[in-house]
C-alpha atoms as a PDB file:
ATOM      1  CA  MET A   1      -0.645 -82.536  -4.059  1.00  0.00           C
ATOM      2  CA  ILE A   2      -0.189 -79.177  -5.367  1.00  0.00           C
ATOM      3  CA  TYR A   3      -2.690 -75.872  -5.270  1.00  0.00           C
ATOM      4  CA  THR A   4      -2.223 -72.952  -6.886  1.00  0.00           C
ATOM      5  CA  ASP A   5      -2.748 -69.841  -4.519  1.00  0.00           C
ATOM      6  CA  ILE A   6      -4.925 -66.110  -5.239  1.00  0.00           C
ATOM      7  CA  PHE A   7      -0.924 -65.483  -6.071  1.00  0.00           C
ATOM      8  CA  GLY A   8      -0.767 -68.024  -8.972  1.00  0.00           C
ATOM      9  CA  ASP A   9       1.833 -69.542  -7.057  1.00  0.00           C
ATOM     10  CA  SER A  10       2.284 -73.313  -6.734  1.00  0.00           C
ATOM     11  CA  ILE A  11       1.981 -74.120  -2.889  1.00  0.00           C
ATOM     12  CA  GLU A  12       2.313 -78.559  -2.766  1.00  0.00           C
ATOM     13  CA  LEU A  13       1.333 -80.526   0.462  1.00  0.00           C
ATOM     14  CA  THR A  14       2.668 -83.739   0.720  1.00  0.00           C
ATOM     15  CA  ASP A  15       1.082 -86.490   2.246  1.00  0.00           C
ATOM     16  CA  GLU A  16       3.577 -86.792   5.141  1.00  0.00           C
ATOM     17  CA  ARG A  17       2.849 -82.612   5.680  1.00  0.00           C
ATOM     18  CA  TRP A  18      -0.990 -83.500   5.875  1.00  0.00           C
ATOM     19  CA  HIS A  19      -0.400 -86.569   8.215  1.00  0.00           C
ATOM     20  CA  HIS A  20       1.269 -84.340  10.174  1.00  0.00           C
ATOM     21  CA  ILE A  21      -1.627 -81.620  10.398  1.00  0.00           C
ATOM     22  CA  VAL A  22      -4.552 -84.112  10.875  1.00  0.00           C
ATOM     23  CA  ARG A  23      -2.412 -85.588  13.967  1.00  0.00           C
ATOM     24  CA  GLU A  24      -2.028 -82.097  14.988  1.00  0.00           C
ATOM     25  CA  HIS A  25      -5.474 -80.683  13.889  1.00  0.00           C
ATOM     26  CA  PRO A  26      -7.719 -83.490  13.502  1.00  0.00           C
ATOM     27  CA  GLU A  27     -10.734 -81.791  13.018  1.00  0.00           C
ATOM     28  CA  VAL A  28      -9.460 -80.138   9.581  1.00  0.00           C
ATOM     29  CA  SER A  29      -9.951 -83.699   7.866  1.00  0.00           C
ATOM     30  CA  LEU A  30     -13.362 -83.277   7.009  1.00  0.00           C
ATOM     31  CA  TYR A  31     -12.484 -79.923   4.660  1.00  0.00           C
ATOM     32  CA  ARG A  32      -9.215 -81.308   2.736  1.00  0.00           C
ATOM     33  CA  GLU A  33     -11.547 -80.508  -0.369  1.00  0.00           C
ATOM     34  CA  ARG A  34     -11.766 -77.046   0.921  1.00  0.00           C
ATOM     35  CA  ILE A  35      -7.847 -75.712   0.128  1.00  0.00           C
ATOM     36  CA  GLN A  36      -8.020 -75.735  -3.192  1.00  0.00           C
ATOM     37  CA  GLU A  37     -10.328 -73.202  -2.703  1.00  0.00           C
ATOM     38  CA  ILE A  38      -9.303 -70.814   0.090  1.00  0.00           C
ATOM     39  CA  MET A  39      -6.143 -70.896  -1.742  1.00  0.00           C
ATOM     40  CA  LEU A  40      -8.004 -68.982  -4.499  1.00  0.00           C
ATOM     41  CA  THR A  41     -10.139 -67.080  -3.231  1.00  0.00           C
ATOM     42  CA  PRO A  42      -9.323 -66.629   0.546  1.00  0.00           C
ATOM     43  CA  ASP A  43     -11.039 -63.980   2.423  1.00  0.00           C
ATOM     44  CA  TYR A  44      -7.686 -62.581   4.067  1.00  0.00           C
ATOM     45  CA  VAL A  45      -4.191 -63.535   3.051  1.00  0.00           C
ATOM     46  CA  LYS A  46      -1.808 -61.768   6.017  1.00  0.00           C
ATOM     47  CA  LYS A  47       2.235 -62.035   5.877  1.00  0.00           C
ATOM     48  CA  SER A  48       3.311 -63.722   9.532  1.00  0.00           C
ATOM     49  CA  SER A  49       4.683 -61.085  12.060  1.00  0.00           C
ATOM     50  CA  ARG A  50       7.138 -64.249  12.976  1.00  0.00           C
ATOM     51  CA  ASP A  51       7.981 -65.661   9.764  1.00  0.00           C
ATOM     52  CA  PRO A  52       8.492 -63.018   6.944  1.00  0.00           C
ATOM     53  CA  GLU A  53       8.785 -65.982   4.414  1.00  0.00           C
ATOM     54  CA  VAL A  54       5.122 -67.273   5.823  1.00  0.00           C
ATOM     55  CA  LEU A  55       2.065 -66.473   4.208  1.00  0.00           C
ATOM     56  CA  LEU A  56      -2.008 -67.157   6.423  1.00  0.00           C
ATOM     57  CA  TYR A  57      -4.752 -67.522   3.788  1.00  0.00           C
ATOM     58  CA  TYR A  58      -8.045 -67.106   5.718  1.00  0.00           C
ATOM     59  CA  LYS A  59     -11.389 -68.109   4.649  1.00  0.00           C
ATOM     60  CA  PHE A  60     -14.602 -68.022   6.516  1.00  0.00           C
ATOM     61  CA  TYR A  61     -17.056 -70.970   6.541  1.00  0.00           C
ATOM     62  CA  SER A  62     -20.590 -70.036   8.256  1.00  0.00           C
ATOM     63  CA  ASP A  63     -20.694 -74.388   8.618  1.00  0.00           C
ATOM     64  CA  ILE A  64     -17.485 -75.233  10.092  1.00  0.00           C
ATOM     65  CA  PHE A  65     -18.225 -75.362  14.354  1.00  0.00           C
ATOM     66  CA  MET A  66     -21.520 -72.469  13.510  1.00  0.00           C
ATOM     67  CA  GLY A  67     -19.135 -70.552  12.069  1.00  0.00           C
ATOM     68  CA  LYS A  68     -14.910 -69.954  11.855  1.00  0.00           C
ATOM     69  CA  TYR A  69     -12.626 -69.442   9.543  1.00  0.00           C
ATOM     70  CA  MET A  70     -10.059 -72.316   8.250  1.00  0.00           C
ATOM     71  CA  LEU A  71      -6.931 -71.077   7.879  1.00  0.00           C
ATOM     72  CA  ILE A  72      -3.641 -72.147   5.425  1.00  0.00           C
ATOM     73  CA  VAL A  73      -0.132 -71.283   6.760  1.00  0.00           C
ATOM     74  CA  ALA A  74       2.061 -71.319   3.784  1.00  0.00           C
ATOM     75  CA  LYS A  75       5.876 -71.531   3.571  1.00  0.00           C
ATOM     76  CA  LYS A  76       7.402 -69.369   0.769  1.00  0.00           C
ATOM     77  CA  GLY A  77      11.209 -69.664   0.831  1.00  0.00           C
ATOM     78  CA  LEU A  78      13.070 -71.647  -1.846  1.00  0.00           C
ATOM     79  CA  ARG A  79       9.974 -74.337  -1.756  1.00  0.00           C
ATOM     80  CA  LEU A  80       6.220 -73.810  -1.879  1.00  0.00           C
ATOM     81  CA  PHE A  81       4.775 -76.129   0.510  1.00  0.00           C
ATOM     82  CA  ILE A  82       1.653 -75.863   3.186  1.00  0.00           C
ATOM     83  CA  LEU A  83       2.961 -75.897   6.370  1.00  0.00           C
ATOM     84  CA  SER A  84      -0.345 -76.101   8.157  1.00  0.00           C
ATOM     85  CA  CYS A  85      -3.566 -75.967   8.330  1.00  0.00           C
ATOM     86  CA  TYR A  86      -6.294 -75.273  11.179  1.00  0.00           C
ATOM     87  CA  ILE A  87      -9.799 -73.840  12.446  1.00  0.00           C
ATOM     88  CA  THR A  88      -9.649 -70.529  14.309  1.00  0.00           C
ATOM     89  CA  ASP A  89     -12.229 -67.515  14.950  1.00  0.00           C
ATOM     90  CA  ILE A  90      -9.278 -65.528  15.068  1.00  0.00           C
ATOM     91  CA  ILE A  91      -7.233 -63.101  12.555  1.00  0.00           C
ATOM     92  CA  LYS A  92      -3.516 -63.069  13.242  1.00  0.00           C
ATOM     93  CA  LYS A  93      -2.123 -59.266  13.433  1.00  0.00           C
ATOM     94  CA  GLY A  94       0.612 -58.222  11.029  1.00  0.00           C
ATOM     95  CA  VAL A  95       0.542 -57.484   7.575  1.00  0.00           C
ATOM     96  CA  THR A  96      -2.092 -57.631   4.954  1.00  0.00           C
ATOM     97  CA  LEU A  97      -1.133 -58.896   1.712  1.00  0.00           C
ATOM     98  CA  TRP A  98      -4.917 -59.040   0.369  1.00  0.00           C
ATOM     99  CA  GLU A  99      -8.540 -58.600   1.324  1.00  0.00           C
ATOM    100  CA  ARG A 100     -11.872 -59.910   0.200  1.00  0.00           C
ATOM    101  CA  LYS A 101     -13.678 -56.023  -0.465  1.00  0.00           C
END
């Protein structure tokens, strides 16, 4: 599946990667339909402090575990693809590339 992010880039999520994500983070399996929304209208986009080619897309949902962020981790190198996706209540440190005002 191909998703478009807030910057207009196309980012791929392969079936193999999705199966890996839900194996590691089964709680996100209920929320796959929210991936496009998160990519297009995030609350924050941060650059990873560990890997400059990795972007972190956060969107807060009040109906996920009584209020948590869903985070999508995407690699923007030679190929643009989603690495991971999970639920969190922590915004990681790093350069903020975009923030909802």
